[in-house]
Amino acid sequence: MSHIVLNETAHQQEQGYEDAGSLSLFGFWVYLMTDCILFATLFATYAVLGQSVAGGPSAADIFELPYVLGETSLLLFSSITYGYAMLANHRKDKRRVLQWLGVTFVLGVGFIAMELNEFHHLIAEDYGPQRSAFLTGFFTLVGTHGLHVLIGLVWMALLMIQVQQRGLCCVNSTRLSCLSLFWHFLDIVWVCVFTVVYLFGVI
C-alpha cells in the first residue's frame, strides 16, 4: 500500500513539474514576442536613418563583408551545436549536454569578441555613433543584438553549472528549452541584421 501511495505522489509531483514547465515555455514565448517588437522597431529606425550619413562614411565605406561572414558563421554554428545539446537532453545524456553547451558557449564568445573588435575599429577610425544618424542606428541595432547574445552567454554559463550540480531534471530541461528558443531567435535576428545592414549596405 505504501508503495502505491509513494508512486502516486511521485507521479503527481512529476505532473506538477511538467505543468509548470509548459507555463514557463508559454511565458517565454510571450517574452520573445515583445523582443520581436523591440527589434522590429530598431530595424524600422535603421531603415529611416540608414541614408543619413551627414557627409560621413556610408555602409559601403566601412563594412567588410568577409569579416562579418566570419561572425555570422560562428553564430550559425553555435545554433547547430545547441541543437545537439538539446538532442542529448532528450536522451538524458548529461555529459553530452555539457560538452555541446561548452562548444556553443565558446562560439558565442568568439562572436562577441569579433563584434567588439569591429566596434573598436570603427570608433578608432572616428566612425562612432555620434558621427551620423546612420551610425547611431547601426550601433543601436547591432549593439542591442550583441547585448542579447551576452545575456544568453551568461544564462548558458549559469545553466551549465546547474546541470552539472542537479542533472537533467524537469526544471533544468525546461530552462534548456527556453534558452534554446532564445538562442535560435537571436540567430534569426542576426541573419536579418546581416542581410539588411551589411549585405544591402555594401551592395
C-alpha atoms as a PDB file:
ATOM      1  CA  MET A   1       0.000   0.000   0.000  1.00  0.00           C
ATOM      2  CA  SER A   2       2.812   2.392   0.917  1.00  0.00           C
ATOM      3  CA  HIS A   3       4.472   1.735  -2.463  1.00  0.00           C
ATOM      4  CA  ILE A   4       1.255   2.702  -4.264  1.00  0.00           C
ATOM      5  CA  VAL A   5       0.986   5.944  -2.291  1.00  0.00           C
ATOM      6  CA  LEU A   6       4.626   6.795  -2.970  1.00  0.00           C
ATOM      7  CA  ASN A   7       4.218   6.105  -6.686  1.00  0.00           C
ATOM      8  CA  GLU A   8       1.100   8.261  -6.862  1.00  0.00           C
ATOM      9  CA  THR A   9       2.880  11.086  -5.014  1.00  0.00           C
ATOM     10  CA  ALA A  10       5.887  10.893  -7.330  1.00  0.00           C
ATOM     11  CA  HIS A  11       3.588  10.903 -10.372  1.00  0.00           C
ATOM     12  CA  GLN A  12       1.715  13.951  -9.065  1.00  0.00           C
ATOM     13  CA  GLN A  13       4.991  15.792  -8.436  1.00  0.00           C
ATOM     14  CA  GLU A  14       6.253  14.950 -11.936  1.00  0.00           C
ATOM     15  CA  GLN A  15       2.957  16.103 -13.454  1.00  0.00           C
ATOM     16  CA  GLY A  16       3.239  19.338 -11.480  1.00  0.00           C
ATOM     17  CA  TYR A  17       6.743  19.964 -12.825  1.00  0.00           C
ATOM     18  CA  GLU A  18       5.544  19.310 -16.394  1.00  0.00           C
ATOM     19  CA  ASP A  19       2.636  21.746 -15.992  1.00  0.00           C
ATOM     20  CA  ALA A  20       4.970  24.387 -14.564  1.00  0.00           C
ATOM     21  CA  GLY A  21       7.370  23.773 -17.449  1.00  0.00           C
ATOM     22  CA  SER A  22       4.592  24.291 -20.002  1.00  0.00           C
ATOM     23  CA  LEU A  23       3.632  27.570 -18.344  1.00  0.00           C
ATOM     24  CA  SER A  24       7.272  28.679 -18.333  1.00  0.00           C
ATOM     25  CA  LEU A  25       7.610  27.937 -22.054  1.00  0.00           C
ATOM     26  CA  PHE A  26       4.403  29.821 -22.796  1.00  0.00           C
ATOM     27  CA  GLY A  27       5.598  32.799 -20.766  1.00  0.00           C
ATOM     28  CA  PHE A  28       8.908  32.740 -22.602  1.00  0.00           C
ATOM     29  CA  TRP A  29       7.136  32.755 -25.965  1.00  0.00           C
ATOM     30  CA  VAL A  30       5.303  35.882 -24.808  1.00  0.00           C
ATOM     31  CA  TYR A  31       8.646  37.460 -23.896  1.00  0.00           C
ATOM     32  CA  LEU A  32      10.041  36.621 -27.339  1.00  0.00           C
ATOM     33  CA  MET A  33       7.074  38.380 -28.929  1.00  0.00           C
ATOM     34  CA  THR A  34       7.988  41.559 -27.039  1.00  0.00           C
ATOM     35  CA  ASP A  35      11.584  41.148 -28.199  1.00  0.00           C
ATOM     36  CA  CYS A  36      10.315  40.848 -31.772  1.00  0.00           C
ATOM     37  CA  ILE A  37       8.595  44.207 -31.350  1.00  0.00           C
ATOM     38  CA  LEU A  38      11.810  45.718 -29.969  1.00  0.00           C
ATOM     39  CA  PHE A  39      13.920  44.545 -32.899  1.00  0.00           C
ATOM     40  CA  ALA A  40      11.233  45.454 -35.434  1.00  0.00           C
ATOM     41  CA  THR A  41      11.326  48.991 -34.040  1.00  0.00           C
ATOM     42  CA  LEU A  42      15.127  49.093 -34.275  1.00  0.00           C
ATOM     43  CA  PHE A  43      15.069  47.803 -37.858  1.00  0.00           C
ATOM     44  CA  ALA A  44      12.469  50.415 -38.791  1.00  0.00           C
ATOM     45  CA  THR A  45      14.582  53.141 -37.185  1.00  0.00           C
ATOM     46  CA  TYR A  46      17.661  51.958 -39.047  1.00  0.00           C
ATOM     47  CA  ALA A  47      15.726  51.914 -42.323  1.00  0.00           C
ATOM     48  CA  VAL A  48      14.783  55.566 -41.773  1.00  0.00           C
ATOM     49  CA  LEU A  49      18.274  56.670 -40.692  1.00  0.00           C
ATOM     50  CA  GLY A  50      20.307  54.431 -42.998  1.00  0.00           C
ATOM     51  CA  GLN A  51      20.906  57.095 -45.642  1.00  0.00           C
ATOM     52  CA  SER A  52      21.511  59.962 -43.191  1.00  0.00           C
ATOM     53  CA  VAL A  53      25.306  59.882 -43.288  1.00  0.00           C
ATOM     54  CA  ALA A  54      25.778  63.646 -42.687  1.00  0.00           C
ATOM     55  CA  GLY A  55      28.709  63.786 -45.079  1.00  0.00           C
ATOM     56  CA  GLY A  56      30.382  60.895 -43.302  1.00  0.00           C
ATOM     57  CA  PRO A  57      31.013  57.314 -44.401  1.00  0.00           C
ATOM     58  CA  SER A  58      28.270  55.123 -45.803  1.00  0.00           C
ATOM     59  CA  ALA A  59      27.794  51.415 -45.152  1.00  0.00           C
ATOM     60  CA  ALA A  60      29.786  50.530 -48.267  1.00  0.00           C
ATOM     61  CA  ASP A  61      32.723  52.587 -46.963  1.00  0.00           C
ATOM     62  CA  ILE A  62      33.122  50.918 -43.571  1.00  0.00           C
ATOM     63  CA  PHE A  63      31.734  47.380 -43.660  1.00  0.00           C
ATOM     64  CA  GLU A  64      33.931  44.393 -44.528  1.00  0.00           C
ATOM     65  CA  LEU A  65      31.709  41.526 -45.657  1.00  0.00           C
ATOM     66  CA  PRO A  66      34.311  38.736 -45.227  1.00  0.00           C
ATOM     67  CA  TYR A  67      34.773  39.740 -41.580  1.00  0.00           C
ATOM     68  CA  VAL A  68      31.029  39.851 -40.945  1.00  0.00           C
ATOM     69  CA  LEU A  69      30.638  36.487 -42.674  1.00  0.00           C
ATOM     70  CA  GLY A  70      33.074  35.122 -40.090  1.00  0.00           C
ATOM     71  CA  GLU A  71      30.887  36.488 -37.285  1.00  0.00           C
ATOM     72  CA  THR A  72      27.800  35.048 -38.934  1.00  0.00           C
ATOM     73  CA  SER A  73      29.391  31.615 -39.303  1.00  0.00           C
ATOM     74  CA  LEU A  74      30.238  31.493 -35.601  1.00  0.00           C
ATOM     75  CA  LEU A  75      26.685  32.306 -34.552  1.00  0.00           C
ATOM     76  CA  LEU A  76      25.072  29.926 -37.047  1.00  0.00           C
ATOM     77  CA  PHE A  77      27.371  27.079 -35.993  1.00  0.00           C
ATOM     78  CA  SER A  78      26.516  27.841 -32.357  1.00  0.00           C
ATOM     79  CA  SER A  79      22.860  27.306 -33.207  1.00  0.00           C
ATOM     80  CA  ILE A  80      23.710  23.875 -34.622  1.00  0.00           C
ATOM     81  CA  THR A  81      25.758  22.884 -31.579  1.00  0.00           C
ATOM     82  CA  TYR A  82      22.950  23.995 -29.262  1.00  0.00           C
ATOM     83  CA  GLY A  83      20.639  21.751 -31.273  1.00  0.00           C
ATOM     84  CA  TYR A  84      22.965  18.840 -30.496  1.00  0.00           C
ATOM     85  CA  ALA A  85      22.798  19.789 -26.819  1.00  0.00           C
ATOM     86  CA  MET A  86      19.003  19.574 -26.957  1.00  0.00           C
ATOM     87  CA  LEU A  87      19.173  16.162 -28.652  1.00  0.00           C
ATOM     88  CA  ALA A  88      21.442  14.992 -25.842  1.00  0.00           C
ATOM     89  CA  ASN A  89      18.979  16.433 -23.332  1.00  0.00           C
ATOM     90  CA  HIS A  90      16.172  14.335 -24.829  1.00  0.00           C
ATOM     91  CA  ARG A  91      18.393  11.283 -24.346  1.00  0.00           C
ATOM     92  CA  LYS A  92      19.178  12.433 -20.790  1.00  0.00           C
ATOM     93  CA  ASP A  93      22.888  12.365 -21.618  1.00  0.00           C
ATOM     94  CA  LYS A  94      24.260  14.896 -19.150  1.00  0.00           C
ATOM     95  CA  ARG A  95      27.877  14.630 -20.321  1.00  0.00           C
ATOM     96  CA  ARG A  96      26.988  15.343 -23.950  1.00  0.00           C
ATOM     97  CA  VAL A  97      24.711  18.212 -22.966  1.00  0.00           C
ATOM     98  CA  LEU A  98      27.560  19.887 -21.103  1.00  0.00           C
ATOM     99  CA  GLN A  99      30.001  19.240 -23.942  1.00  0.00           C
ATOM    100  CA  TRP A 100      27.757  20.773 -26.608  1.00  0.00           C
ATOM    101  CA  LEU A 101      26.818  23.691 -24.372  1.00  0.00           C
ATOM    102  CA  GLY A 102      30.533  24.308 -23.859  1.00  0.00           C
ATOM    103  CA  VAL A 103      31.146  24.374 -27.618  1.00  0.00           C
ATOM    104  CA  THR A 104      28.164  26.693 -28.079  1.00  0.00           C
ATOM    105  CA  PHE A 105      29.488  28.991 -25.368  1.00  0.00           C
ATOM    106  CA  VAL A 106      32.926  29.223 -26.997  1.00  0.00           C
ATOM    107  CA  LEU A 107      31.381  30.029 -30.389  1.00  0.00           C
ATOM    108  CA  GLY A 108      29.197  32.697 -28.786  1.00  0.00           C
ATOM    109  CA  VAL A 109      32.189  34.265 -27.046  1.00  0.00           C
ATOM    110  CA  GLY A 110      34.008  34.295 -30.381  1.00  0.00           C
ATOM    111  CA  PHE A 111      31.084  36.124 -31.975  1.00  0.00           C
ATOM    112  CA  ILE A 112      31.024  38.757 -29.219  1.00  0.00           C
ATOM    113  CA  ALA A 113      34.805  39.200 -29.437  1.00  0.00           C
ATOM    114  CA  MET A 114      34.604  39.815 -33.190  1.00  0.00           C
ATOM    115  CA  GLU A 115      31.742  42.264 -32.752  1.00  0.00           C
ATOM    116  CA  LEU A 116      33.583  44.222 -30.065  1.00  0.00           C
ATOM    117  CA  ASN A 117      36.654  44.308 -32.291  1.00  0.00           C
ATOM    118  CA  GLU A 118      34.532  45.700 -35.122  1.00  0.00           C
ATOM    119  CA  PHE A 119      33.101  48.401 -32.846  1.00  0.00           C
ATOM    120  CA  HIS A 120      36.577  49.281 -31.562  1.00  0.00           C
ATOM    121  CA  HIS A 121      37.917  49.577 -35.097  1.00  0.00           C
ATOM    122  CA  LEU A 122      35.050  51.836 -36.198  1.00  0.00           C
ATOM    123  CA  ILE A 123      35.339  54.117 -33.168  1.00  0.00           C
ATOM    124  CA  ALA A 124      39.131  54.302 -33.595  1.00  0.00           C
ATOM    125  CA  GLU A 125      38.529  55.487 -37.167  1.00  0.00           C
ATOM    126  CA  ASP A 126      36.194  58.191 -35.800  1.00  0.00           C
ATOM    127  CA  TYR A 127      33.120  56.337 -37.045  1.00  0.00           C
ATOM    128  CA  GLY A 128      31.366  56.256 -33.672  1.00  0.00           C
ATOM    129  CA  PRO A 129      27.609  56.530 -33.077  1.00  0.00           C
ATOM    130  CA  GLN A 130      27.831  60.327 -32.671  1.00  0.00           C
ATOM    131  CA  ARG A 131      29.214  60.775 -36.210  1.00  0.00           C
ATOM    132  CA  SER A 132      25.893  60.457 -38.055  1.00  0.00           C
ATOM    133  CA  ALA A 133      22.308  59.241 -37.736  1.00  0.00           C
ATOM    134  CA  PHE A 134      23.236  56.213 -39.857  1.00  0.00           C
ATOM    135  CA  LEU A 135      25.968  55.183 -37.419  1.00  0.00           C
ATOM    136  CA  THR A 136      23.681  55.836 -34.445  1.00  0.00           C
ATOM    137  CA  GLY A 137      21.117  53.457 -35.921  1.00  0.00           C
ATOM    138  CA  PHE A 138      23.818  50.907 -36.733  1.00  0.00           C
ATOM    139  CA  PHE A 139      25.406  50.866 -33.278  1.00  0.00           C
ATOM    140  CA  THR A 140      21.994  50.761 -31.589  1.00  0.00           C
ATOM    141  CA  LEU A 141      20.676  47.839 -33.633  1.00  0.00           C
ATOM    142  CA  VAL A 142      23.836  45.725 -33.707  1.00  0.00           C
ATOM    143  CA  GLY A 143      24.736  46.626 -30.113  1.00  0.00           C
ATOM    144  CA  THR A 144      21.292  45.612 -28.837  1.00  0.00           C
ATOM    145  CA  HIS A 145      21.625  42.252 -30.542  1.00  0.00           C
ATOM    146  CA  GLY A 146      25.125  41.832 -29.104  1.00  0.00           C
ATOM    147  CA  LEU A 147      23.822  42.630 -25.624  1.00  0.00           C
ATOM    148  CA  HIS A 148      21.193  39.913 -26.026  1.00  0.00           C
ATOM    149  CA  VAL A 149      23.892  37.423 -27.058  1.00  0.00           C
ATOM    150  CA  LEU A 150      25.940  38.401 -23.999  1.00  0.00           C
ATOM    151  CA  ILE A 151      22.913  37.832 -21.754  1.00  0.00           C
ATOM    152  CA  GLY A 152      22.431  34.456 -23.427  1.00  0.00           C
ATOM    153  CA  LEU A 153      26.042  33.527 -22.692  1.00  0.00           C
ATOM    154  CA  VAL A 154      25.693  34.426 -19.004  1.00  0.00           C
ATOM    155  CA  TRP A 155      22.471  32.409 -18.859  1.00  0.00           C
ATOM    156  CA  MET A 156      24.221  29.494 -20.589  1.00  0.00           C
ATOM    157  CA  ALA A 157      27.131  29.540 -18.135  1.00  0.00           C
ATOM    158  CA  LEU A 158      24.770  29.511 -15.144  1.00  0.00           C
ATOM    159  CA  LEU A 159      22.709  26.732 -16.701  1.00  0.00           C
ATOM    160  CA  MET A 160      25.814  24.622 -17.263  1.00  0.00           C
ATOM    161  CA  ILE A 161      26.587  24.929 -13.554  1.00  0.00           C
ATOM    162  CA  GLN A 162      23.017  23.917 -12.655  1.00  0.00           C
ATOM    163  CA  VAL A 163      23.092  20.908 -14.989  1.00  0.00           C
ATOM    164  CA  GLN A 164      26.439  19.841 -13.535  1.00  0.00           C
ATOM    165  CA  GLN A 165      25.086  20.062  -9.984  1.00  0.00           C
ATOM    166  CA  ARG A 166      21.471  18.882 -10.376  1.00  0.00           C
ATOM    167  CA  GLY A 167      21.467  16.905 -13.599  1.00  0.00           C
ATOM    168  CA  LEU A 168      18.804  16.975 -16.303  1.00  0.00           C
ATOM    169  CA  CYS A 169      15.799  17.335 -14.029  1.00  0.00           C
ATOM    170  CA  CYS A 170      12.475  18.704 -15.313  1.00  0.00           C
ATOM    171  CA  VAL A 171      13.345  22.242 -14.213  1.00  0.00           C
ATOM    172  CA  ASN A 172      16.716  22.244 -15.970  1.00  0.00           C
ATOM    173  CA  SER A 173      15.234  20.672 -19.104  1.00  0.00           C
ATOM    174  CA  THR A 174      12.659  23.460 -19.243  1.00  0.00           C
ATOM    175  CA  ARG A 175      15.403  26.050 -18.823  1.00  0.00           C
ATOM    176  CA  LEU A 176      17.369  24.418 -21.635  1.00  0.00           C
ATOM    177  CA  SER A 177      14.290  24.629 -23.855  1.00  0.00           C
ATOM    178  CA  CYS A 178      13.761  28.310 -23.042  1.00  0.00           C
ATOM    179  CA  LEU A 179      17.405  29.119 -23.739  1.00  0.00           C
ATOM    180  CA  SER A 180      17.154  27.159 -26.985  1.00  0.00           C
ATOM    181  CA  LEU A 181      14.263  29.358 -28.113  1.00  0.00           C
ATOM    182  CA  PHE A 182      16.211  32.476 -27.126  1.00  0.00           C
ATOM    183  CA  TRP A 183      19.426  31.402 -28.858  1.00  0.00           C
ATOM    184  CA  HIS A 184      17.741  30.407 -32.127  1.00  0.00           C
ATOM    185  CA  PHE A 185      15.742  33.643 -32.042  1.00  0.00           C
ATOM    186  CA  LEU A 186      18.992  35.613 -31.828  1.00  0.00           C
ATOM    187  CA  ASP A 187      20.328  33.673 -34.811  1.00  0.00           C
ATOM    188  CA  ILE A 188      17.272  34.617 -36.867  1.00  0.00           C
ATOM    189  CA  VAL A 189      17.612  38.262 -35.840  1.00  0.00           C
ATOM    190  CA  TRP A 190      21.301  38.225 -36.799  1.00  0.00           C
ATOM    191  CA  VAL A 191      20.507  36.821 -40.253  1.00  0.00           C
ATOM    192  CA  CYS A 192      18.155  39.790 -40.679  1.00  0.00           C
ATOM    193  CA  VAL A 193      20.869  42.170 -39.414  1.00  0.00           C
ATOM    194  CA  PHE A 194      23.433  40.692 -41.788  1.00  0.00           C
ATOM    195  CA  THR A 195      21.056  40.955 -44.740  1.00  0.00           C
ATOM    196  CA  VAL A 196      19.584  44.405 -44.079  1.00  0.00           C
ATOM    197  CA  VAL A 197      22.562  46.206 -42.541  1.00  0.00           C
ATOM    198  CA  TYR A 198      25.649  44.621 -44.040  1.00  0.00           C
ATOM    199  CA  LEU A 199      24.687  42.912 -47.297  1.00  0.00           C
ATOM    200  CA  PHE A 200      22.250  45.541 -48.590  1.00  0.00           C
ATOM    201  CA  GLY A 201      24.558  48.262 -47.259  1.00  0.00           C
ATOM    202  CA  VAL A 202      27.551  47.058 -49.243  1.00  0.00           C
ATOM    203  CA  ILE A 203      25.610  46.132 -52.371  1.00  0.00           C
END
